[in-house]
Amino acid sequence: MTEPVDGIAAGRAAWERIKGRDRATWGDWIDVARSLAIGRAETMKAANTNRPVGTTYNRLMGQWLKQHSLDDVGTQERYRALLILENLAEIETWRAGLDEAKRRAWNHPNSVWSHFRRRKQETDRAAPACKNFVKASMQSHKNGARPLYWPQHCVRAAHEAMLKSRSHDLLVLARVALEAAIPSADVLIDLLNEAKQQPHPARASAAAAVVHAA
């Protein structure tokens, strides 16, 4: 019983800090979101429902918010804060790749969710084209694997991105390195085209053997 109470208190304290200054911190909004999640779970149980909708749920949720001094959190803010909490691991990974200025500026749930969704949609649109290109490229070399050549500037970009991230999380490091080395679908396509133009290792070895024998 202590944990939910502490979570609600932390969220209430965070909300007071948010209202008391011009710019809230990311951690404050996460505390608010976690307290709202507790309230949603408690209210759903009290309303005997497994969905946060309906007249009874809305009435009880309104009472819960007022009881815990969170009733002045905007409806849209509550909705987006809970969405962020449900996708927190992915959003934290995305935020880790932002520059410091954007991380400081993008704290409000509406702003965070809007930018995160835009980035995710861009990535999702690019992914099928890259996937299809890679699949076609690999199919054309099905008789033997062809290694992808990484130019030095790609390696340097990946190295610098990992250093700048200052993270010890391997997932974060892998993501920032890949995004720095391959910042767009066009770069990946160029790399694959360069690989296709390189002599196949097996064929090159065979040709060398023929020349040597001659």
N, C-alpha and C. Protein backbone atom coordinates (compact mmCIF):
# COMPACT_ATOMS: atom_id res chain seq x y z
N MET A 1 0.83 -1.21 0.00
CA MET A 1 0.00 0.00 0.00
C MET A 1 0.86 1.26 0.00
N THR A 2 2.08 1.14 0.54
CA THR A 2 2.95 2.32 0.64
C THR A 2 3.36 2.84 -0.73
N GLU A 3 3.66 1.91 -1.65
CA GLU A 3 4.19 2.31 -2.95
C GLU A 3 3.23 3.21 -3.73
N PRO A 4 1.92 2.84 -3.91
CA PRO A 4 1.00 3.74 -4.62
C PRO A 4 0.87 5.10 -3.95
N VAL A 5 0.79 5.11 -2.60
CA VAL A 5 0.67 6.39 -1.89
C VAL A 5 1.88 7.27 -2.17
N ASP A 6 3.08 6.68 -2.11
CA ASP A 6 4.30 7.43 -2.39
C ASP A 6 4.30 7.93 -3.83
N GLY A 7 3.81 7.09 -4.76
CA GLY A 7 3.76 7.49 -6.16
C GLY A 7 2.81 8.65 -6.38
N ILE A 8 1.67 8.62 -5.70
CA ILE A 8 0.70 9.72 -5.81
C ILE A 8 1.29 10.99 -5.22
N ALA A 9 1.94 10.88 -4.08
CA ALA A 9 2.54 12.05 -3.43
C ALA A 9 3.62 12.65 -4.30
N ALA A 10 4.42 11.79 -4.93
CA ALA A 10 5.49 12.28 -5.81
C ALA A 10 4.90 13.02 -7.01
N GLY A 11 3.81 12.48 -7.55
CA GLY A 11 3.16 13.13 -8.68
C GLY A 11 2.55 14.46 -8.30
N ARG A 12 1.93 14.52 -7.13
CA ARG A 12 1.33 15.77 -6.65
C ARG A 12 2.41 16.83 -6.42
N ALA A 13 3.53 16.43 -5.81
CA ALA A 13 4.64 17.37 -5.58
C ALA A 13 5.22 17.85 -6.91
N ALA A 14 5.34 16.93 -7.88
CA ALA A 14 5.87 17.30 -9.19
C ALA A 14 4.93 18.29 -9.88
N TRP A 15 3.61 18.08 -9.75
CA TRP A 15 2.65 18.98 -10.38
C TRP A 15 2.73 20.38 -9.77
N GLU A 16 2.94 20.46 -8.47
CA GLU A 16 3.11 21.77 -7.83
C GLU A 16 4.36 22.47 -8.35
N ARG A 17 5.42 21.70 -8.57
CA ARG A 17 6.66 22.31 -9.12
C ARG A 17 6.42 22.79 -10.55
N ILE A 18 5.69 22.00 -11.32
CA ILE A 18 5.40 22.37 -12.70
C ILE A 18 4.61 23.69 -12.74
N LYS A 19 3.62 23.81 -11.89
CA LYS A 19 2.79 25.02 -11.87
C LYS A 19 3.56 26.22 -11.32
N GLY A 20 4.60 25.97 -10.54
CA GLY A 20 5.32 27.05 -9.88
C GLY A 20 6.46 27.64 -10.67
N ARG A 21 6.70 27.12 -11.89
CA ARG A 21 7.79 27.69 -12.69
C ARG A 21 7.45 27.63 -14.16
N ASP A 22 8.22 28.36 -14.97
CA ASP A 22 7.90 28.47 -16.38
C ASP A 22 8.14 27.17 -17.16
N ARG A 23 9.19 26.44 -16.78
CA ARG A 23 9.53 25.24 -17.55
C ARG A 23 9.75 24.07 -16.61
N ALA A 24 8.99 23.00 -16.82
CA ALA A 24 9.11 21.81 -15.97
C ALA A 24 10.22 20.91 -16.49
N THR A 25 10.65 20.03 -15.62
CA THR A 25 11.64 19.05 -16.06
C THR A 25 10.93 17.81 -16.57
N TRP A 26 11.64 17.03 -17.35
CA TRP A 26 11.12 15.77 -17.87
C TRP A 26 10.74 14.83 -16.72
N GLY A 27 11.59 14.77 -15.71
CA GLY A 27 11.32 13.91 -14.57
C GLY A 27 10.04 14.28 -13.84
N ASP A 28 9.74 15.58 -13.75
CA ASP A 28 8.50 16.01 -13.10
C ASP A 28 7.28 15.47 -13.84
N TRP A 29 7.29 15.55 -15.16
CA TRP A 29 6.15 15.08 -15.93
C TRP A 29 6.00 13.57 -15.83
N ILE A 30 7.12 12.85 -15.75
CA ILE A 30 7.03 11.40 -15.59
C ILE A 30 6.44 11.05 -14.23
N ASP A 31 6.80 11.80 -13.20
CA ASP A 31 6.19 11.57 -11.88
C ASP A 31 4.69 11.81 -11.92
N VAL A 32 4.27 12.88 -12.61
CA VAL A 32 2.84 13.16 -12.75
C VAL A 32 2.16 12.01 -13.50
N ALA A 33 2.78 11.56 -14.58
CA ALA A 33 2.20 10.47 -15.38
C ALA A 33 2.04 9.20 -14.55
N ARG A 34 3.03 8.90 -13.73
CA ARG A 34 2.96 7.69 -12.91
C ARG A 34 1.85 7.79 -11.87
N SER A 35 1.67 8.97 -11.31
CA SER A 35 0.57 9.13 -10.33
C SER A 35 -0.78 9.01 -11.04
N LEU A 36 -0.88 9.55 -12.26
CA LEU A 36 -2.12 9.43 -13.02
C LEU A 36 -2.42 7.97 -13.37
N ALA A 37 -1.37 7.21 -13.65
CA ALA A 37 -1.56 5.79 -13.95
C ALA A 37 -2.09 5.04 -12.73
N ILE A 38 -1.59 5.41 -11.55
CA ILE A 38 -2.11 4.81 -10.32
C ILE A 38 -3.59 5.14 -10.16
N GLY A 39 -3.91 6.42 -10.38
CA GLY A 39 -5.30 6.84 -10.27
C GLY A 39 -6.19 6.14 -11.26
N ARG A 40 -5.72 5.97 -12.48
CA ARG A 40 -6.52 5.28 -13.50
C ARG A 40 -6.79 3.83 -13.09
N ALA A 41 -5.75 3.15 -12.60
CA ALA A 41 -5.92 1.76 -12.18
C ALA A 41 -6.89 1.65 -11.01
N GLU A 42 -6.75 2.54 -10.02
CA GLU A 42 -7.64 2.50 -8.86
C GLU A 42 -9.09 2.80 -9.27
N THR A 43 -9.25 3.76 -10.16
CA THR A 43 -10.59 4.15 -10.59
C THR A 43 -11.25 3.06 -11.43
N MET A 44 -10.50 2.42 -12.31
CA MET A 44 -11.04 1.32 -13.10
C MET A 44 -11.52 0.19 -12.19
N LYS A 45 -10.74 -0.08 -11.15
CA LYS A 45 -11.12 -1.14 -10.20
C LYS A 45 -12.40 -0.74 -9.47
N ALA A 46 -12.47 0.52 -9.03
CA ALA A 46 -13.66 0.99 -8.30
C ALA A 46 -14.89 1.00 -9.20
N ALA A 47 -14.69 1.30 -10.48
CA ALA A 47 -15.80 1.35 -11.43
C ALA A 47 -16.15 -0.02 -12.00
N ASN A 48 -15.38 -1.03 -11.59
CA ASN A 48 -15.60 -2.41 -12.05
C ASN A 48 -15.57 -2.49 -13.58
N THR A 49 -14.51 -1.90 -14.17
CA THR A 49 -14.35 -1.92 -15.61
C THR A 49 -12.88 -2.17 -15.94
N ASN A 50 -12.65 -2.72 -17.13
CA ASN A 50 -11.26 -2.92 -17.57
C ASN A 50 -10.86 -1.91 -18.64
N ARG A 51 -11.68 -0.87 -18.81
CA ARG A 51 -11.37 0.20 -19.76
C ARG A 51 -11.61 1.55 -19.10
N PRO A 52 -10.72 2.52 -19.34
CA PRO A 52 -10.87 3.84 -18.71
C PRO A 52 -11.87 4.73 -19.43
N VAL A 53 -13.09 4.24 -19.55
CA VAL A 53 -14.16 5.01 -20.22
C VAL A 53 -15.47 4.75 -19.50
N GLY A 54 -16.45 5.58 -19.79
CA GLY A 54 -17.78 5.38 -19.23
C GLY A 54 -18.13 6.42 -18.18
N THR A 55 -19.42 6.59 -17.96
CA THR A 55 -19.91 7.61 -17.04
C THR A 55 -19.40 7.39 -15.63
N THR A 56 -19.47 6.15 -15.15
CA THR A 56 -19.03 5.86 -13.78
C THR A 56 -17.53 6.10 -13.64
N TYR A 57 -16.78 5.61 -14.61
CA TYR A 57 -15.33 5.80 -14.56
C TYR A 57 -14.99 7.29 -14.55
N ASN A 58 -15.59 8.05 -15.45
CA ASN A 58 -15.29 9.49 -15.54
C ASN A 58 -15.62 10.22 -14.24
N ARG A 59 -16.74 9.85 -13.63
CA ARG A 59 -17.15 10.50 -12.37
C ARG A 59 -16.15 10.17 -11.25
N LEU A 60 -15.80 8.89 -11.15
CA LEU A 60 -14.87 8.48 -10.09
C LEU A 60 -13.46 9.02 -10.33
N MET A 61 -13.06 9.09 -11.60
CA MET A 61 -11.73 9.63 -11.91
C MET A 61 -11.67 11.11 -11.56
N GLY A 62 -12.75 11.83 -11.84
CA GLY A 62 -12.81 13.24 -11.47
C GLY A 62 -12.68 13.43 -9.97
N GLN A 63 -13.33 12.56 -9.21
CA GLN A 63 -13.23 12.62 -7.75
C GLN A 63 -11.82 12.31 -7.28
N TRP A 64 -11.20 11.31 -7.92
CA TRP A 64 -9.82 10.93 -7.54
C TRP A 64 -8.86 12.09 -7.80
N LEU A 65 -8.99 12.71 -8.95
CA LEU A 65 -8.10 13.82 -9.31
C LEU A 65 -8.25 14.97 -8.32
N LYS A 66 -9.50 15.27 -7.96
CA LYS A 66 -9.74 16.36 -7.02
C LYS A 66 -9.20 16.01 -5.63
N GLN A 67 -9.38 14.77 -5.22
CA GLN A 67 -8.90 14.32 -3.91
C GLN A 67 -7.39 14.48 -3.78
N HIS A 68 -6.67 14.25 -4.90
CA HIS A 68 -5.22 14.27 -4.86
C HIS A 68 -4.63 15.54 -5.49
N SER A 69 -5.45 16.58 -5.62
CA SER A 69 -5.01 17.90 -6.11
C SER A 69 -4.37 17.83 -7.49
N LEU A 70 -4.92 16.96 -8.34
CA LEU A 70 -4.43 16.85 -9.71
C LEU A 70 -5.53 17.17 -10.71
N ASP A 71 -6.63 17.74 -10.23
CA ASP A 71 -7.77 18.00 -11.10
C ASP A 71 -7.54 19.16 -12.06
N ASP A 72 -6.47 19.95 -11.83
CA ASP A 72 -6.19 21.05 -12.76
C ASP A 72 -5.14 20.67 -13.81
N VAL A 73 -4.74 19.38 -13.84
CA VAL A 73 -3.93 18.90 -14.97
C VAL A 73 -4.88 18.81 -16.16
N GLY A 74 -4.53 19.43 -17.27
CA GLY A 74 -5.41 19.46 -18.44
C GLY A 74 -5.74 18.07 -18.97
N THR A 75 -6.92 17.94 -19.56
CA THR A 75 -7.34 16.65 -20.11
C THR A 75 -6.36 16.14 -21.15
N GLN A 76 -5.91 17.02 -22.05
CA GLN A 76 -4.96 16.63 -23.09
C GLN A 76 -3.61 16.28 -22.47
N GLU A 77 -3.22 17.01 -21.45
CA GLU A 77 -1.96 16.72 -20.76
C GLU A 77 -2.01 15.34 -20.11
N ARG A 78 -3.13 15.03 -19.47
CA ARG A 78 -3.28 13.71 -18.84
C ARG A 78 -3.20 12.60 -19.89
N TYR A 79 -3.91 12.80 -20.98
CA TYR A 79 -3.95 11.79 -22.04
C TYR A 79 -2.56 11.54 -22.62
N ARG A 80 -1.86 12.63 -22.94
CA ARG A 80 -0.53 12.48 -23.54
C ARG A 80 0.49 11.94 -22.53
N ALA A 81 0.39 12.37 -21.28
CA ALA A 81 1.31 11.89 -20.25
C ALA A 81 1.20 10.39 -20.08
N LEU A 82 -0.04 9.87 -20.10
CA LEU A 82 -0.24 8.42 -19.98
C LEU A 82 0.24 7.68 -21.23
N LEU A 83 0.06 8.27 -22.40
CA LEU A 83 0.60 7.67 -23.63
C LEU A 83 2.12 7.57 -23.56
N ILE A 84 2.74 8.63 -23.07
CA ILE A 84 4.20 8.64 -22.94
C ILE A 84 4.65 7.55 -21.98
N LEU A 85 3.94 7.41 -20.87
CA LEU A 85 4.31 6.39 -19.89
C LEU A 85 4.21 4.99 -20.49
N GLU A 86 3.22 4.75 -21.33
CA GLU A 86 3.05 3.45 -21.97
C GLU A 86 4.15 3.16 -22.99
N ASN A 87 4.78 4.20 -23.50
CA ASN A 87 5.84 4.04 -24.51
C ASN A 87 7.17 4.57 -23.99
N LEU A 88 7.35 4.55 -22.67
CA LEU A 88 8.46 5.27 -22.05
C LEU A 88 9.83 4.76 -22.49
N ALA A 89 10.01 3.45 -22.58
CA ALA A 89 11.33 2.91 -22.95
C ALA A 89 11.76 3.41 -24.33
N GLU A 90 10.84 3.37 -25.29
CA GLU A 90 11.16 3.83 -26.65
C GLU A 90 11.38 5.34 -26.68
N ILE A 91 10.60 6.07 -25.91
CA ILE A 91 10.74 7.52 -25.89
C ILE A 91 12.05 7.93 -25.21
N GLU A 92 12.42 7.23 -24.15
CA GLU A 92 13.69 7.53 -23.48
C GLU A 92 14.86 7.29 -24.43
N THR A 93 14.80 6.23 -25.21
CA THR A 93 15.85 5.95 -26.19
C THR A 93 15.92 7.06 -27.24
N TRP A 94 14.75 7.51 -27.71
CA TRP A 94 14.71 8.60 -28.69
C TRP A 94 15.26 9.89 -28.08
N ARG A 95 14.88 10.20 -26.85
CA ARG A 95 15.34 11.42 -26.20
C ARG A 95 16.85 11.40 -25.99
N ALA A 96 17.41 10.22 -25.75
CA ALA A 96 18.85 10.12 -25.53
C ALA A 96 19.64 10.55 -26.76
N GLY A 97 19.02 10.47 -27.93
CA GLY A 97 19.70 10.88 -29.16
C GLY A 97 19.52 12.34 -29.52
N LEU A 98 18.71 13.07 -28.75
CA LEU A 98 18.51 14.50 -29.01
C LEU A 98 19.67 15.31 -28.48
N ASP A 99 19.89 16.49 -29.05
CA ASP A 99 20.89 17.37 -28.47
C ASP A 99 20.35 17.97 -27.18
N GLU A 100 21.25 18.52 -26.38
CA GLU A 100 20.89 19.00 -25.05
C GLU A 100 19.81 20.08 -25.09
N ALA A 101 19.87 20.96 -26.07
CA ALA A 101 18.89 22.04 -26.17
C ALA A 101 17.48 21.50 -26.38
N LYS A 102 17.34 20.51 -27.25
CA LYS A 102 16.02 19.93 -27.50
C LYS A 102 15.52 19.15 -26.29
N ARG A 103 16.43 18.44 -25.63
CA ARG A 103 16.00 17.70 -24.43
C ARG A 103 15.46 18.65 -23.37
N ARG A 104 16.10 19.82 -23.23
CA ARG A 104 15.63 20.80 -22.24
C ARG A 104 14.31 21.44 -22.68
N ALA A 105 14.16 21.69 -23.98
CA ALA A 105 12.98 22.40 -24.48
C ALA A 105 11.75 21.49 -24.57
N TRP A 106 11.97 20.21 -24.92
CA TRP A 106 10.84 19.30 -25.13
C TRP A 106 10.60 18.49 -23.85
N ASN A 107 9.80 19.06 -22.96
CA ASN A 107 9.45 18.39 -21.71
C ASN A 107 7.96 18.18 -21.56
N HIS A 108 7.17 19.11 -22.07
CA HIS A 108 5.72 19.02 -21.93
C HIS A 108 5.20 17.80 -22.70
N PRO A 109 4.24 17.06 -22.14
CA PRO A 109 3.75 15.85 -22.81
C PRO A 109 3.28 16.08 -24.25
N ASN A 110 2.60 17.19 -24.50
CA ASN A 110 2.14 17.46 -25.86
C ASN A 110 3.30 17.62 -26.83
N SER A 111 4.34 18.33 -26.40
CA SER A 111 5.50 18.56 -27.24
C SER A 111 6.28 17.27 -27.46
N VAL A 112 6.51 16.53 -26.38
CA VAL A 112 7.27 15.28 -26.48
C VAL A 112 6.56 14.30 -27.38
N TRP A 113 5.27 14.10 -27.16
CA TRP A 113 4.54 13.11 -27.96
C TRP A 113 4.48 13.52 -29.43
N SER A 114 4.29 14.80 -29.69
CA SER A 114 4.21 15.27 -31.07
C SER A 114 5.52 15.03 -31.82
N HIS A 115 6.64 15.40 -31.22
CA HIS A 115 7.93 15.22 -31.89
C HIS A 115 8.31 13.74 -31.99
N PHE A 116 8.02 12.99 -30.94
CA PHE A 116 8.32 11.55 -30.97
C PHE A 116 7.53 10.86 -32.07
N ARG A 117 6.24 11.13 -32.18
CA ARG A 117 5.42 10.49 -33.20
C ARG A 117 5.86 10.88 -34.61
N ARG A 118 6.25 12.15 -34.78
CA ARG A 118 6.70 12.59 -36.10
C ARG A 118 7.96 11.83 -36.52
N ARG A 119 8.89 11.70 -35.56
CA ARG A 119 10.13 10.98 -35.84
C ARG A 119 9.85 9.50 -36.14
N LYS A 120 8.95 8.91 -35.37
CA LYS A 120 8.61 7.50 -35.56
C LYS A 120 7.96 7.27 -36.91
N GLN A 121 7.08 8.18 -37.31
CA GLN A 121 6.41 8.05 -38.60
C GLN A 121 7.41 8.17 -39.75
N GLU A 122 8.37 9.08 -39.62
CA GLU A 122 9.41 9.22 -40.65
C GLU A 122 10.23 7.95 -40.76
N THR A 123 10.58 7.38 -39.61
CA THR A 123 11.37 6.14 -39.60
C THR A 123 10.58 4.99 -40.20
N ASP A 124 9.29 4.90 -39.84
CA ASP A 124 8.45 3.82 -40.35
C ASP A 124 8.27 3.92 -41.86
N ARG A 125 8.20 5.16 -42.39
CA ARG A 125 8.05 5.33 -43.84
C ARG A 125 9.32 4.91 -44.57
N ALA A 126 10.48 5.21 -43.98
CA ALA A 126 11.75 4.89 -44.64
C ALA A 126 12.09 3.41 -44.55
N ALA A 127 11.63 2.75 -43.50
CA ALA A 127 12.02 1.36 -43.25
C ALA A 127 11.66 0.41 -44.38
N PRO A 128 10.41 0.42 -44.93
CA PRO A 128 10.09 -0.54 -45.99
C PRO A 128 10.97 -0.39 -47.22
N ALA A 129 11.27 0.86 -47.62
CA ALA A 129 12.12 1.06 -48.79
C ALA A 129 13.51 0.49 -48.56
N CYS A 130 14.07 0.73 -47.37
CA CYS A 130 15.40 0.19 -47.05
C CYS A 130 15.36 -1.33 -47.02
N LYS A 131 14.30 -1.87 -46.39
CA LYS A 131 14.19 -3.31 -46.23
C LYS A 131 14.10 -3.99 -47.60
N ASN A 132 13.27 -3.42 -48.50
CA ASN A 132 13.12 -4.00 -49.82
C ASN A 132 14.41 -3.92 -50.62
N PHE A 133 15.14 -2.79 -50.47
CA PHE A 133 16.39 -2.64 -51.20
C PHE A 133 17.42 -3.64 -50.71
N VAL A 134 17.52 -3.78 -49.40
CA VAL A 134 18.48 -4.73 -48.83
C VAL A 134 18.14 -6.15 -49.26
N LYS A 135 16.83 -6.48 -49.22
CA LYS A 135 16.41 -7.83 -49.59
C LYS A 135 16.77 -8.12 -51.04
N ALA A 136 16.51 -7.15 -51.93
CA ALA A 136 16.84 -7.34 -53.34
C ALA A 136 18.34 -7.48 -53.54
N SER A 137 19.10 -6.67 -52.81
CA SER A 137 20.55 -6.72 -52.92
C SER A 137 21.09 -8.07 -52.46
N MET A 138 20.57 -8.54 -51.32
CA MET A 138 21.04 -9.82 -50.79
C MET A 138 20.63 -10.96 -51.72
N GLN A 139 19.44 -10.87 -52.33
CA GLN A 139 18.97 -11.91 -53.23
C GLN A 139 19.89 -12.02 -54.44
N SER A 140 20.39 -10.88 -54.88
CA SER A 140 21.26 -10.89 -56.06
C SER A 140 22.62 -11.52 -55.76
N HIS A 141 22.93 -11.68 -54.46
CA HIS A 141 24.21 -12.29 -54.08
C HIS A 141 23.98 -13.54 -53.24
N LYS A 142 22.90 -14.28 -53.56
CA LYS A 142 22.53 -15.42 -52.72
C LYS A 142 23.55 -16.55 -52.78
N ASN A 143 24.43 -16.54 -53.76
CA ASN A 143 25.43 -17.61 -53.84
C ASN A 143 26.60 -17.39 -52.89
N GLY A 144 26.64 -16.26 -52.22
CA GLY A 144 27.71 -15.99 -51.27
C GLY A 144 27.51 -14.63 -50.63
N ALA A 145 27.80 -14.52 -49.34
CA ALA A 145 27.59 -13.26 -48.64
C ALA A 145 28.61 -12.23 -49.10
N ARG A 146 28.13 -11.02 -49.32
CA ARG A 146 29.02 -9.93 -49.71
C ARG A 146 29.07 -8.93 -48.54
N PRO A 147 30.24 -8.72 -47.96
CA PRO A 147 30.32 -7.80 -46.82
C PRO A 147 30.07 -6.35 -47.27
N LEU A 148 29.45 -5.58 -46.37
CA LEU A 148 29.21 -4.17 -46.64
C LEU A 148 30.45 -3.36 -46.28
N TYR A 149 30.91 -2.55 -47.21
CA TYR A 149 32.10 -1.73 -46.96
C TYR A 149 31.69 -0.46 -46.23
N TRP A 150 32.34 -0.19 -45.09
CA TRP A 150 32.05 1.01 -44.30
C TRP A 150 33.16 2.05 -44.53
N PRO A 151 32.85 3.15 -45.22
CA PRO A 151 33.85 4.21 -45.41
C PRO A 151 34.27 4.80 -44.06
N GLN A 152 35.46 5.36 -44.02
CA GLN A 152 35.98 5.90 -42.77
C GLN A 152 35.10 7.00 -42.19
N HIS A 153 34.48 7.81 -43.04
CA HIS A 153 33.65 8.90 -42.51
C HIS A 153 32.43 8.35 -41.78
N CYS A 154 31.92 7.19 -42.20
CA CYS A 154 30.81 6.56 -41.49
C CYS A 154 31.25 6.05 -40.13
N VAL A 155 32.43 5.43 -40.11
CA VAL A 155 32.97 4.90 -38.85
C VAL A 155 33.23 6.04 -37.88
N ARG A 156 33.81 7.14 -38.39
CA ARG A 156 34.10 8.29 -37.52
C ARG A 156 32.81 8.90 -36.97
N ALA A 157 31.79 9.01 -37.84
CA ALA A 157 30.51 9.58 -37.41
C ALA A 157 29.88 8.74 -36.30
N ALA A 158 29.95 7.41 -36.45
CA ALA A 158 29.40 6.52 -35.43
C ALA A 158 30.17 6.66 -34.12
N HIS A 159 31.50 6.74 -34.24
CA HIS A 159 32.35 6.88 -33.05
C HIS A 159 32.06 8.18 -32.31
N GLU A 160 31.96 9.28 -33.04
CA GLU A 160 31.70 10.58 -32.42
C GLU A 160 30.31 10.62 -31.77
N ALA A 161 29.33 9.99 -32.42
CA ALA A 161 27.97 9.97 -31.86
C ALA A 161 27.92 9.21 -30.55
N MET A 162 28.67 8.11 -30.46
CA MET A 162 28.69 7.33 -29.22
C MET A 162 29.36 8.12 -28.10
N LEU A 163 30.44 8.84 -28.44
CA LEU A 163 31.12 9.65 -27.43
C LEU A 163 30.21 10.77 -26.92
N LYS A 164 29.51 11.42 -27.84
CA LYS A 164 28.65 12.54 -27.47
C LYS A 164 27.45 12.09 -26.65
N SER A 165 26.99 10.86 -26.86
CA SER A 165 25.81 10.38 -26.13
C SER A 165 26.09 10.24 -24.64
N ARG A 166 27.36 9.96 -24.30
CA ARG A 166 27.76 9.77 -22.90
C ARG A 166 26.90 8.73 -22.17
N SER A 167 26.42 7.77 -22.95
CA SER A 167 25.57 6.73 -22.37
C SER A 167 26.36 5.44 -22.18
N HIS A 168 25.94 4.66 -21.18
CA HIS A 168 26.53 3.34 -20.97
C HIS A 168 25.54 2.24 -21.36
N ASP A 169 24.39 2.67 -21.88
CA ASP A 169 23.36 1.72 -22.32
C ASP A 169 23.71 1.24 -23.73
N LEU A 170 23.94 -0.07 -23.88
CA LEU A 170 24.36 -0.60 -25.18
C LEU A 170 23.31 -0.38 -26.26
N LEU A 171 22.03 -0.43 -25.89
CA LEU A 171 20.97 -0.19 -26.86
C LEU A 171 21.02 1.24 -27.37
N VAL A 172 21.22 2.18 -26.49
CA VAL A 172 21.32 3.59 -26.87
C VAL A 172 22.54 3.81 -27.76
N LEU A 173 23.68 3.23 -27.36
CA LEU A 173 24.91 3.39 -28.13
C LEU A 173 24.77 2.79 -29.53
N ALA A 174 24.14 1.62 -29.62
CA ALA A 174 23.95 0.99 -30.93
C ALA A 174 23.09 1.87 -31.83
N ARG A 175 22.03 2.43 -31.24
CA ARG A 175 21.12 3.25 -32.04
C ARG A 175 21.79 4.53 -32.53
N VAL A 176 22.48 5.25 -31.63
CA VAL A 176 23.09 6.52 -32.05
C VAL A 176 24.21 6.27 -33.05
N ALA A 177 24.92 5.13 -32.91
CA ALA A 177 26.00 4.81 -33.86
C ALA A 177 25.42 4.53 -35.24
N LEU A 178 24.37 3.74 -35.30
CA LEU A 178 23.76 3.40 -36.58
C LEU A 178 23.14 4.63 -37.24
N GLU A 179 22.47 5.47 -36.43
CA GLU A 179 21.84 6.67 -37.00
C GLU A 179 22.88 7.65 -37.52
N ALA A 180 24.04 7.69 -36.86
CA ALA A 180 25.10 8.59 -37.32
C ALA A 180 25.76 8.05 -38.58
N ALA A 181 25.99 6.73 -38.61
CA ALA A 181 26.65 6.12 -39.78
C ALA A 181 25.72 6.08 -40.98
N ILE A 182 24.41 5.83 -40.74
CA ILE A 182 23.43 5.75 -41.81
C ILE A 182 22.30 6.71 -41.48
N PRO A 183 22.48 8.01 -41.69
CA PRO A 183 21.47 9.00 -41.30
C PRO A 183 20.21 9.00 -42.17
N SER A 184 20.24 8.34 -43.32
CA SER A 184 19.07 8.33 -44.18
C SER A 184 19.08 7.10 -45.07
N ALA A 185 17.94 6.83 -45.70
CA ALA A 185 17.84 5.69 -46.62
C ALA A 185 18.79 5.88 -47.81
N ASP A 186 18.98 7.13 -48.23
CA ASP A 186 19.86 7.39 -49.38
C ASP A 186 21.29 6.96 -49.09
N VAL A 187 21.76 7.20 -47.86
CA VAL A 187 23.12 6.81 -47.51
C VAL A 187 23.26 5.29 -47.56
N LEU A 188 22.25 4.57 -47.04
CA LEU A 188 22.30 3.12 -47.06
C LEU A 188 22.32 2.59 -48.49
N ILE A 189 21.50 3.20 -49.33
CA ILE A 189 21.47 2.78 -50.74
C ILE A 189 22.82 3.00 -51.40
N ASP A 190 23.47 4.14 -51.10
CA ASP A 190 24.80 4.41 -51.66
C ASP A 190 25.81 3.36 -51.20
N LEU A 191 25.75 3.01 -49.91
CA LEU A 191 26.67 2.00 -49.38
C LEU A 191 26.48 0.66 -50.07
N LEU A 192 25.22 0.27 -50.27
CA LEU A 192 24.93 -1.00 -50.93
C LEU A 192 25.37 -0.98 -52.39
N ASN A 193 25.18 0.17 -53.03
CA ASN A 193 25.62 0.28 -54.42
C ASN A 193 27.14 0.16 -54.54
N GLU A 194 27.84 0.77 -53.56
CA GLU A 194 29.30 0.66 -53.55
C GLU A 194 29.73 -0.78 -53.33
N ALA A 195 29.01 -1.48 -52.45
CA ALA A 195 29.34 -2.89 -52.19
C ALA A 195 29.14 -3.74 -53.43
N LYS A 196 28.08 -3.43 -54.20
CA LYS A 196 27.80 -4.19 -55.42
C LYS A 196 28.91 -4.01 -56.46
N GLN A 197 29.54 -2.82 -56.44
CA GLN A 197 30.58 -2.53 -57.42
C GLN A 197 31.93 -3.15 -57.06
N GLN A 198 32.07 -3.57 -55.78
CA GLN A 198 33.32 -4.19 -55.36
C GLN A 198 33.38 -5.62 -55.89
N PRO A 199 34.55 -6.14 -56.24
CA PRO A 199 34.65 -7.53 -56.70
C PRO A 199 34.22 -8.47 -55.59
N HIS A 200 33.48 -9.53 -55.95
CA HIS A 200 33.08 -10.52 -54.97
C HIS A 200 34.33 -11.24 -54.47
N PRO A 201 34.52 -11.42 -53.16
CA PRO A 201 35.73 -12.04 -52.62
C PRO A 201 36.06 -13.39 -53.24
N ALA A 202 35.02 -14.24 -53.42
CA ALA A 202 35.28 -15.58 -53.95
C ALA A 202 35.74 -15.51 -55.39
N ARG A 203 35.08 -14.60 -56.16
CA ARG A 203 35.45 -14.47 -57.57
C ARG A 203 36.84 -13.85 -57.71
N ALA A 204 37.12 -12.87 -56.83
CA ALA A 204 38.43 -12.23 -56.88
C ALA A 204 39.53 -13.23 -56.59
N SER A 205 39.29 -14.11 -55.61
CA SER A 205 40.28 -15.13 -55.28
C SER A 205 40.49 -16.09 -56.43
N ALA A 206 39.39 -16.48 -57.09
CA ALA A 206 39.48 -17.39 -58.22
C ALA A 206 40.24 -16.75 -59.37
N ALA A 207 39.95 -15.47 -59.62
CA ALA A 207 40.64 -14.78 -60.71
C ALA A 207 42.14 -14.67 -60.41
N ALA A 208 42.46 -14.38 -59.16
CA ALA A 208 43.86 -14.28 -58.77
C ALA A 208 44.57 -15.62 -58.97
N ALA A 209 43.87 -16.70 -58.66
CA ALA A 209 44.47 -18.02 -58.81
C ALA A 209 44.74 -18.35 -60.27
N VAL A 210 43.79 -17.95 -61.16
CA VAL A 210 43.97 -18.19 -62.60
C VAL A 210 45.16 -17.41 -63.12
N VAL A 211 45.25 -16.12 -62.68
CA VAL A 211 46.38 -15.28 -63.13
C VAL A 211 47.70 -15.88 -62.65
N HIS A 212 47.71 -16.34 -61.39
CA HIS A 212 48.93 -16.90 -60.82
C HIS A 212 49.35 -18.17 -61.57
N ALA A 213 48.33 -19.00 -61.91
CA ALA A 213 48.63 -20.25 -62.61
C ALA A 213 49.17 -19.97 -63.99
N ALA A 214 48.65 -18.93 -64.62
CA ALA A 214 49.10 -18.59 -65.98
C ALA A 214 50.54 -18.12 -65.94
